[in-house]
Amino acid sequence: MRARLILWAAFAIVHLFVAWLGALEPNQPMGDVYFVYEPWSTAALKGAGIVGITETWVYPHLALAPMILAHAFAWIGNYIIGWAVLVTLCNAVGFWVLVGDGRSRSRRAAAGFWLAFVLAVGPVGMYRIDAITVPLAIAALLWLVRRPMLSAAMLTAGAWIKIWPAALVATAFVAMRRRWDIVAGALVTTAVVVAVVLVSGGAPHLLGFVTEQTGRGLQIEAPLATPYLWGAAAGLPGWSLYYDQEILTFQVSGPGVDVVSAVLTPVLALLAAGVALLGAAKVRRGASFARLMPPLALALVLVLIVVNKVGSPQFHVWLIAPVAFWLVVDRHRAFPLAALALLSAALTHLLYPIVYWQLLSAEPLGVAVLTARNVVLVALLTWTLVRLARVPVVPRAAAASPARPARDTEPAS
């Protein structure tokens, strides 16, 4: 009981502090909330156009739902406060599912990691739409074994808010034996969303969140943009940073950048497929769900972050769910990776918003911080892939026996 009270007290303190940091720190870490979320949701409520329905939108369609819901709490002060309250309430639900009765050391460790990550990554982890998907993903992963169809439906709903939980759906399909439950949950949720969009008249914009991404360039925070940033810092001719008025983001220019940007998406798809195939091979050779699911989930999420031409700082919150799940399942093996994830989060916070202006000016300090963060990300991906490759399998003699493979098991405590 005491441990649970301490965790909940820490939860309240961390969320209040990070919410306050959003107003204190430079470079407008809350900017997306009042520059885009509030105008989009206000227009929808007033009948002045619905993004994703009456016009093509950069986000999947369900992302508008929490933006609208935040207005329900705006009476407390303003829309920004309403958004912070909504994120905190969503996190509280996920935290409650994770902590449970507070008796499990592994769950307490995972809860502590979550709070440490929220603190380390700073306000960008709260004041972005990605924050809504984190507690949804954590609860879904914890319920995956007992309620696979519900979990798949939750993860798919998360993917219709921000696409990254689709990696966890793919992981569950590979690692679990109740695959048709995963497929059913994903298909039903997708069918409902698509039906609502079509009935609302949004058919022309159904896949707008996909097509809007295809033409964008290489964003400055993307790991593969790092050489171009150093070129700009060195003042090399043709190496620079610029602001794309259409996509509303900072991108890099330099020799071959268009080629790099064009090939990154197919390379990402190929690497993700390769990781999934490695996981499938482990399953065929008898790897257990508890040993395979955590590194496979983290590896796929990291591929989405590292091999990406966007690289926004809020992408880091995607790490919370797979790492927390790994801590619940096998905290001793997960601890080193969790520590590396926290280091990456802290560097991301230092980068944005604290030294972000130095990065935009291509000053060595800003570029160095980004480089360090990207090195940590690549190291984390490499280490996770090694862990995945080393997941033990059933020996040949045991695999040849007529006994059925072990079933999916509940996360250990």
Protein backbone atom coordinates (compact mmCIF):
# COMPACT_ATOMS: atom_id res chain seq x y z
CA MET A 1 0.00 0.00 0.00
CA ARG A 2 2.82 2.42 0.92
CA ALA A 3 4.68 1.77 -2.35
CA ARG A 4 1.52 2.43 -4.33
CA LEU A 5 0.89 5.71 -2.51
CA ILE A 6 4.47 6.82 -3.16
CA LEU A 7 4.10 6.04 -6.87
CA TRP A 8 0.85 7.97 -7.14
CA ALA A 9 2.32 10.93 -5.27
CA ALA A 10 5.27 10.87 -7.66
CA PHE A 11 2.83 10.67 -10.57
CA ALA A 12 1.08 13.86 -9.47
CA ILE A 13 4.32 15.76 -8.82
CA VAL A 14 5.93 14.76 -12.12
CA HIS A 15 2.91 15.68 -14.21
CA LEU A 16 2.42 19.02 -12.47
CA PHE A 17 6.10 19.86 -12.86
CA VAL A 18 6.28 18.89 -16.54
CA ALA A 19 3.07 20.79 -17.29
CA TRP A 20 4.61 23.87 -15.64
CA LEU A 21 7.86 23.42 -17.61
CA GLY A 22 5.85 23.78 -20.80
CA ALA A 23 5.16 27.41 -19.91
CA LEU A 24 8.65 28.07 -18.54
CA GLU A 25 11.02 26.65 -21.16
CA PRO A 26 11.98 28.46 -24.41
CA ASN A 27 11.08 27.74 -28.04
CA GLN A 28 7.37 27.13 -27.42
CA PRO A 29 7.23 23.45 -26.39
CA MET A 30 3.43 23.85 -26.10
CA GLY A 31 3.21 25.39 -29.56
CA ASP A 32 1.45 22.52 -31.32
CA VAL A 33 -1.37 22.68 -28.78
CA TYR A 34 -2.32 26.33 -29.35
CA PHE A 35 -1.04 26.73 -32.91
CA VAL A 36 -2.68 23.67 -34.48
CA TYR A 37 -4.68 21.45 -32.11
CA GLU A 38 -6.91 24.24 -30.81
CA PRO A 39 -7.66 25.79 -34.24
CA TRP A 40 -8.36 22.39 -35.82
CA SER A 41 -10.67 21.26 -33.02
CA THR A 42 -12.41 24.65 -32.72
CA ALA A 43 -13.13 24.68 -36.46
CA ALA A 44 -14.65 21.18 -36.21
CA LEU A 45 -16.84 22.15 -33.25
CA LYS A 46 -18.07 25.28 -35.03
CA GLY A 47 -18.77 23.49 -38.31
CA ALA A 48 -16.05 25.40 -40.13
CA GLY A 49 -14.43 22.29 -41.59
CA ILE A 50 -13.23 18.97 -40.22
CA VAL A 51 -9.63 18.00 -40.91
CA GLY A 52 -9.44 14.54 -42.43
CA ILE A 53 -13.04 14.83 -43.65
CA THR A 54 -13.36 18.10 -45.55
CA GLU A 55 -9.64 18.44 -46.24
CA THR A 56 -6.54 16.26 -46.34
CA TRP A 57 -4.83 15.97 -42.97
CA VAL A 58 -1.34 14.97 -41.86
CA TYR A 59 -2.67 12.87 -38.95
CA PRO A 60 -4.85 9.73 -38.93
CA HIS A 61 -8.52 10.51 -38.40
CA LEU A 62 -8.93 9.58 -34.73
CA ALA A 63 -6.30 12.15 -33.74
CA LEU A 64 -9.00 14.79 -33.85
CA ALA A 65 -10.98 13.12 -31.05
CA PRO A 66 -8.62 13.99 -28.16
CA MET A 67 -8.10 17.45 -29.60
CA ILE A 68 -11.85 18.01 -29.36
CA LEU A 69 -12.10 16.30 -25.97
CA ALA A 70 -9.54 18.71 -24.49
CA HIS A 71 -12.16 21.48 -24.84
CA ALA A 72 -14.16 19.73 -22.10
CA PHE A 73 -11.44 20.72 -19.61
CA ALA A 74 -10.65 24.16 -21.02
CA TRP A 75 -13.01 25.75 -18.47
CA ILE A 76 -10.28 25.19 -15.86
CA GLY A 77 -8.22 27.94 -17.48
CA ASN A 78 -7.72 27.65 -21.22
CA TYR A 79 -7.23 25.06 -23.95
CA ILE A 80 -3.58 24.46 -23.05
CA ILE A 81 -4.52 23.59 -19.47
CA GLY A 82 -7.37 21.46 -20.79
CA TRP A 83 -4.91 19.54 -22.94
CA ALA A 84 -2.54 19.00 -20.00
CA VAL A 85 -5.42 17.76 -17.86
CA LEU A 86 -6.58 15.37 -20.58
CA VAL A 87 -3.09 13.88 -21.02
CA THR A 88 -2.71 13.54 -17.24
CA LEU A 89 -6.06 11.77 -16.92
CA CYS A 90 -5.21 9.39 -19.76
CA ASN A 91 -1.85 8.66 -18.16
CA ALA A 92 -3.57 8.11 -14.81
CA VAL A 93 -5.75 5.38 -16.32
CA GLY A 94 -2.73 3.67 -17.89
CA PHE A 95 -0.75 4.09 -14.67
CA TRP A 96 -3.56 2.50 -12.68
CA VAL A 97 -3.58 -0.52 -15.00
CA LEU A 98 0.21 -0.80 -14.74
CA VAL A 99 0.64 -0.37 -10.99
CA GLY A 100 -2.31 -2.53 -9.95
CA ASP A 101 -2.20 -3.26 -6.24
CA GLY A 102 1.43 -2.17 -6.04
CA ARG A 103 2.75 -5.54 -4.89
CA SER A 104 4.66 -6.46 -8.04
CA ARG A 105 8.26 -5.24 -8.06
CA SER A 106 8.39 -5.46 -11.83
CA ARG A 107 5.29 -3.33 -12.25
CA ARG A 108 6.61 -0.79 -9.75
CA ALA A 109 9.87 -0.66 -11.68
CA ALA A 110 7.97 -0.12 -14.93
CA ALA A 111 5.88 2.62 -13.32
CA GLY A 112 9.01 4.31 -12.00
CA PHE A 113 10.57 4.14 -15.46
CA TRP A 114 7.48 5.73 -17.00
CA LEU A 115 7.57 8.65 -14.57
CA ALA A 116 11.33 9.07 -15.00
CA PHE A 117 10.87 9.14 -18.77
CA VAL A 118 8.08 11.74 -18.59
CA LEU A 119 10.38 13.89 -16.47
CA ALA A 120 13.44 13.29 -18.66
CA VAL A 121 11.80 14.02 -22.02
CA GLY A 122 10.08 17.13 -20.70
CA PRO A 123 7.06 19.07 -21.96
CA VAL A 124 7.26 17.82 -25.56
CA GLY A 125 6.14 14.47 -24.18
CA MET A 126 2.97 16.02 -22.78
CA TYR A 127 2.05 18.71 -25.29
CA ARG A 128 1.90 16.52 -28.40
CA ILE A 129 -0.76 14.12 -29.72
CA ASP A 130 1.67 11.22 -29.24
CA ALA A 131 1.10 11.47 -25.47
CA ILE A 132 -2.45 10.17 -25.86
CA THR A 133 -1.24 6.91 -27.42
CA VAL A 134 1.21 5.99 -24.64
CA PRO A 135 -1.23 4.89 -21.88
CA LEU A 136 -3.39 3.20 -24.52
CA ALA A 137 -0.41 1.14 -25.69
CA ILE A 138 0.71 0.25 -22.16
CA ALA A 139 -2.73 -1.01 -21.12
CA ALA A 140 -3.10 -2.93 -24.39
CA LEU A 141 0.26 -4.68 -23.96
CA LEU A 142 -0.56 -5.66 -20.37
CA TRP A 143 -3.93 -7.11 -21.44
CA LEU A 144 -2.56 -8.77 -24.56
CA VAL A 145 -2.45 -12.36 -23.30
CA ARG A 146 -5.86 -12.48 -21.64
CA ARG A 147 -7.71 -10.16 -24.01
CA PRO A 148 -5.87 -10.26 -27.35
CA MET A 149 -8.81 -9.05 -29.44
CA LEU A 150 -9.46 -6.08 -27.15
CA SER A 151 -5.74 -5.28 -27.02
CA ALA A 152 -5.44 -5.38 -30.80
CA ALA A 153 -8.47 -3.10 -31.07
CA MET A 154 -6.90 -0.63 -28.61
CA LEU A 155 -3.56 -0.64 -30.41
CA THR A 156 -5.28 -0.19 -33.75
CA ALA A 157 -7.26 2.74 -32.36
CA GLY A 158 -3.93 4.17 -31.21
CA ALA A 159 -2.57 3.75 -34.74
CA TRP A 160 -5.51 5.77 -36.05
CA ILE A 161 -4.33 8.54 -33.70
CA LYS A 162 -0.59 8.29 -34.45
CA ILE A 163 0.64 5.47 -36.67
CA TRP A 164 3.37 4.00 -34.43
CA PRO A 165 1.18 1.54 -32.39
CA ALA A 166 0.76 -0.39 -35.66
CA ALA A 167 4.25 -1.73 -34.91
CA LEU A 168 2.90 -3.26 -31.69
CA VAL A 169 -0.02 -4.83 -33.58
CA ALA A 170 2.50 -6.42 -35.97
CA THR A 171 4.60 -7.59 -33.02
CA ALA A 172 1.60 -9.23 -31.36
CA PHE A 173 0.65 -10.95 -34.61
CA VAL A 174 4.15 -12.41 -34.93
CA ALA A 175 4.77 -13.34 -31.29
CA MET A 176 1.36 -14.69 -30.26
CA ARG A 177 -0.36 -17.90 -31.22
CA ARG A 178 -3.87 -16.43 -31.09
CA ARG A 179 -3.18 -14.51 -34.28
CA TRP A 180 -6.73 -14.46 -35.58
CA ASP A 181 -7.80 -12.60 -32.44
CA ILE A 182 -5.21 -9.95 -33.26
CA VAL A 183 -6.39 -9.77 -36.87
CA ALA A 184 -10.04 -9.60 -35.84
CA GLY A 185 -9.48 -6.80 -33.32
CA ALA A 186 -7.47 -4.77 -35.83
CA LEU A 187 -9.90 -5.29 -38.70
CA VAL A 188 -13.02 -4.46 -36.70
CA THR A 189 -11.52 -1.24 -35.35
CA THR A 190 -10.26 -0.20 -38.77
CA ALA A 191 -13.62 -1.00 -40.36
CA VAL A 192 -15.44 1.19 -37.84
CA VAL A 193 -13.09 4.13 -38.38
CA VAL A 194 -13.22 3.81 -42.17
CA ALA A 195 -17.01 3.53 -42.13
CA VAL A 196 -17.36 6.69 -40.05
CA VAL A 197 -15.02 8.58 -42.39
CA LEU A 198 -16.89 7.39 -45.49
CA VAL A 199 -20.32 8.16 -44.06
CA SER A 200 -19.08 11.62 -43.08
CA GLY A 201 -18.05 12.29 -46.67
CA GLY A 202 -14.30 11.98 -46.14
CA ALA A 203 -13.61 9.32 -48.76
CA PRO A 204 -11.31 11.57 -50.85
CA HIS A 205 -9.16 12.19 -47.75
CA LEU A 206 -9.21 8.69 -46.24
CA LEU A 207 -5.48 8.08 -46.77
CA GLY A 208 -4.42 11.71 -46.64
CA PHE A 209 -2.18 11.09 -43.62
CA VAL A 210 -0.15 8.72 -45.83
CA THR A 211 0.03 10.82 -48.97
CA GLU A 212 0.89 13.96 -47.01
CA GLN A 213 4.10 12.32 -45.80
CA THR A 214 5.41 11.11 -49.15
CA GLY A 215 6.62 14.46 -50.48
CA ARG A 216 8.33 15.80 -47.36
CA GLY A 217 12.09 16.19 -47.13
CA LEU A 218 14.61 15.14 -44.50
CA GLN A 219 13.76 16.74 -41.15
CA ILE A 220 16.65 18.13 -39.12
CA GLU A 221 16.12 15.81 -36.11
CA ALA A 222 16.15 12.62 -38.21
CA PRO A 223 19.30 10.55 -37.49
CA LEU A 224 20.33 10.48 -41.15
CA ALA A 225 20.14 14.26 -41.30
CA THR A 226 23.10 14.52 -38.91
CA PRO A 227 25.85 14.70 -41.61
CA TYR A 228 23.97 17.53 -43.33
CA LEU A 229 23.78 19.44 -40.06
CA TRP A 230 27.52 19.16 -39.59
CA GLY A 231 27.99 20.32 -43.17
CA ALA A 232 25.82 23.34 -42.43
CA ALA A 233 27.72 23.98 -39.18
CA ALA A 234 30.98 23.89 -41.14
CA GLY A 235 29.59 26.37 -43.66
CA LEU A 236 29.95 24.04 -46.64
CA PRO A 237 28.37 25.45 -49.82
CA GLY A 238 24.90 24.02 -50.42
CA TRP A 239 24.59 22.45 -46.94
CA SER A 240 21.90 24.29 -44.98
CA LEU A 241 18.69 24.21 -42.96
CA TYR A 242 15.39 25.67 -44.17
CA TYR A 243 11.76 25.90 -43.09
CA ASP A 244 9.23 24.13 -45.28
CA GLN A 245 6.13 26.34 -45.32
CA GLU A 246 3.88 23.52 -46.57
CA ILE A 247 4.87 20.81 -44.10
CA LEU A 248 5.62 23.37 -41.35
CA THR A 249 8.90 21.82 -40.28
CA PHE A 250 12.64 22.43 -40.51
CA GLN A 251 14.49 20.32 -43.06
CA VAL A 252 18.02 19.98 -44.42
CA SER A 253 19.46 20.50 -47.87
CA GLY A 254 22.71 19.29 -49.35
CA PRO A 255 24.25 16.88 -51.86
CA GLY A 256 22.06 13.81 -52.38
CA VAL A 257 19.48 14.79 -49.76
CA ASP A 258 16.56 14.18 -52.13
CA VAL A 259 17.81 10.64 -52.78
CA VAL A 260 18.24 9.96 -49.07
CA SER A 261 14.74 11.26 -48.36
CA ALA A 262 13.25 9.19 -51.18
CA VAL A 263 14.84 5.88 -50.16
CA LEU A 264 14.33 6.16 -46.40
CA THR A 265 10.67 5.09 -46.42
CA PRO A 266 11.24 1.89 -48.45
CA VAL A 267 14.37 1.15 -46.39
CA LEU A 268 12.31 1.56 -43.22
CA ALA A 269 9.71 -0.85 -44.58
CA LEU A 270 12.38 -3.40 -45.52
CA LEU A 271 14.10 -3.22 -42.14
CA ALA A 272 10.81 -3.53 -40.29
CA ALA A 273 9.92 -6.55 -42.42
CA GLY A 274 13.33 -8.05 -41.69
CA VAL A 275 12.88 -7.61 -37.94
CA ALA A 276 9.40 -9.15 -38.13
CA LEU A 277 10.74 -12.11 -40.13
CA LEU A 278 13.45 -12.65 -37.52
CA GLY A 279 10.75 -12.72 -34.87
CA ALA A 280 8.66 -15.15 -36.92
CA ALA A 281 11.69 -17.44 -37.31
CA LYS A 282 12.14 -17.40 -33.53
CA VAL A 283 8.49 -18.33 -33.05
CA ARG A 284 8.80 -21.25 -35.48
CA ARG A 285 11.80 -22.51 -33.53
CA GLY A 286 9.88 -22.43 -30.25
CA ALA A 287 10.81 -19.11 -28.64
CA SER A 288 8.53 -18.20 -25.75
CA PHE A 289 6.20 -15.23 -25.90
CA ALA A 290 7.65 -13.72 -22.72
CA ARG A 291 11.21 -13.71 -24.09
CA LEU A 292 10.36 -12.73 -27.67
CA MET A 293 7.60 -10.12 -27.42
CA PRO A 294 9.50 -7.35 -25.52
CA PRO A 295 12.65 -7.13 -27.70
CA LEU A 296 10.63 -7.58 -30.89
CA ALA A 297 8.25 -4.76 -29.92
CA LEU A 298 11.07 -2.41 -28.94
CA ALA A 299 13.07 -3.23 -32.08
CA LEU A 300 10.18 -2.45 -34.40
CA VAL A 301 9.40 0.81 -32.62
CA LEU A 302 13.06 1.82 -32.75
CA VAL A 303 13.20 1.11 -36.49
CA LEU A 304 10.27 3.53 -36.90
CA ILE A 305 12.25 6.19 -35.01
CA VAL A 306 15.80 5.67 -36.27
CA VAL A 307 15.08 4.98 -39.95
CA ASN A 308 12.67 7.86 -40.38
CA LYS A 309 12.93 11.07 -42.36
CA VAL A 310 10.89 12.97 -39.78
CA GLY A 311 12.52 12.47 -36.38
CA SER A 312 10.36 14.81 -34.28
CA PRO A 313 11.37 14.90 -30.58
CA GLN A 314 7.95 13.66 -29.44
CA PHE A 315 8.63 10.36 -31.21
CA HIS A 316 10.66 9.43 -28.14
CA VAL A 317 7.55 8.79 -26.07
CA TRP A 318 6.95 5.77 -28.31
CA LEU A 319 9.70 4.02 -26.34
CA ILE A 320 7.78 4.15 -23.07
CA ALA A 321 5.29 1.35 -23.77
CA PRO A 322 7.66 -1.38 -25.10
CA VAL A 323 10.31 -0.67 -22.46
CA ALA A 324 7.75 -0.57 -19.62
CA PHE A 325 6.28 -3.84 -20.89
CA TRP A 326 9.74 -5.40 -20.98
CA LEU A 327 10.33 -4.29 -17.37
CA VAL A 328 7.08 -5.97 -16.34
CA VAL A 329 7.97 -9.21 -18.12
CA ASP A 330 11.69 -9.40 -17.30
CA ARG A 331 12.95 -6.38 -15.42
CA HIS A 332 16.54 -7.58 -14.91
CA ARG A 333 17.22 -7.98 -18.63
CA ALA A 334 15.35 -4.77 -19.42
CA PHE A 335 17.13 -2.47 -16.94
CA PRO A 336 20.16 -1.61 -19.13
CA LEU A 337 17.96 -0.81 -22.12
CA ALA A 338 15.65 1.26 -19.93
CA ALA A 339 18.64 3.28 -18.71
CA LEU A 340 19.76 3.93 -22.29
CA ALA A 341 16.22 4.98 -23.23
CA LEU A 342 16.20 7.46 -20.34
CA LEU A 343 19.52 8.90 -21.51
CA SER A 344 18.08 9.34 -24.99
CA ALA A 345 15.01 11.06 -23.51
CA ALA A 346 17.16 13.44 -21.45
CA LEU A 347 19.24 14.36 -24.50
CA THR A 348 16.04 14.94 -26.46
CA HIS A 349 14.83 17.32 -23.75
CA LEU A 350 18.14 19.15 -23.80
CA LEU A 351 17.87 19.39 -27.57
CA TYR A 352 14.26 20.55 -27.61
CA PRO A 353 13.39 23.04 -26.36
CA ILE A 354 16.51 24.07 -24.43
CA VAL A 355 19.21 24.33 -27.15
CA TYR A 356 16.86 24.16 -30.12
CA TRP A 357 17.75 27.65 -31.30
CA GLN A 358 21.40 26.65 -31.51
CA LEU A 359 20.35 23.68 -33.64
CA LEU A 360 18.28 25.87 -35.98
CA SER A 361 21.30 28.14 -36.34
CA ALA A 362 23.51 25.13 -37.09
CA GLU A 363 25.74 26.01 -34.16
CA PRO A 364 28.14 23.26 -32.99
CA LEU A 365 26.50 22.97 -29.54
CA GLY A 366 23.05 22.20 -30.92
CA VAL A 367 24.38 19.84 -33.58
CA ALA A 368 26.56 18.05 -31.01
CA VAL A 369 23.61 17.44 -28.67
CA LEU A 370 21.52 16.09 -31.54
CA THR A 371 24.41 13.88 -32.67
CA ALA A 372 24.82 12.45 -29.16
CA ARG A 373 21.09 11.74 -28.98
CA ASN A 374 21.11 10.01 -32.36
CA VAL A 375 24.15 7.92 -31.42
CA VAL A 376 22.31 6.75 -28.31
CA LEU A 377 19.27 5.85 -30.43
CA VAL A 378 21.35 3.82 -32.87
CA ALA A 379 23.10 2.09 -29.97
CA LEU A 380 19.74 1.27 -28.39
CA LEU A 381 18.45 -0.19 -31.66
CA THR A 382 21.62 -2.22 -32.16
CA TRP A 383 21.53 -3.58 -28.61
CA THR A 384 17.85 -4.47 -28.94
CA LEU A 385 18.47 -6.31 -32.22
CA VAL A 386 21.27 -8.28 -30.55
CA ARG A 387 18.91 -9.17 -27.71
CA LEU A 388 16.30 -10.23 -30.25
CA ALA A 389 18.77 -12.40 -32.14
CA ARG A 390 19.78 -14.07 -28.87
CA VAL A 391 16.26 -14.94 -27.73
CA PRO A 392 16.53 -18.62 -26.79
CA VAL A 393 14.61 -21.23 -28.75
CA VAL A 394 13.52 -24.76 -27.95
CA PRO A 395 16.32 -27.26 -28.68
CA ARG A 396 15.81 -29.48 -31.71
CA ALA A 397 15.13 -32.56 -29.63
CA ALA A 398 12.43 -30.77 -27.68
CA ALA A 399 11.01 -29.21 -30.83
CA ALA A 400 10.71 -32.64 -32.43
CA SER A 401 8.65 -34.01 -29.54
CA PRO A 402 4.88 -34.36 -30.04
CA ALA A 403 4.20 -32.02 -27.14
CA ARG A 404 2.47 -28.76 -28.06
CA PRO A 405 4.49 -25.52 -27.89
CA ALA A 406 4.16 -23.47 -24.75
CA ARG A 407 1.21 -21.10 -24.76
CA ASP A 408 1.40 -17.37 -24.45
CA THR A 409 1.92 -16.63 -20.78
CA GLU A 410 1.10 -13.71 -18.52
CA PRO A 411 3.84 -11.16 -17.84
CA ALA A 412 5.87 -12.09 -14.78
CA SER A 413 5.75 -10.04 -11.63
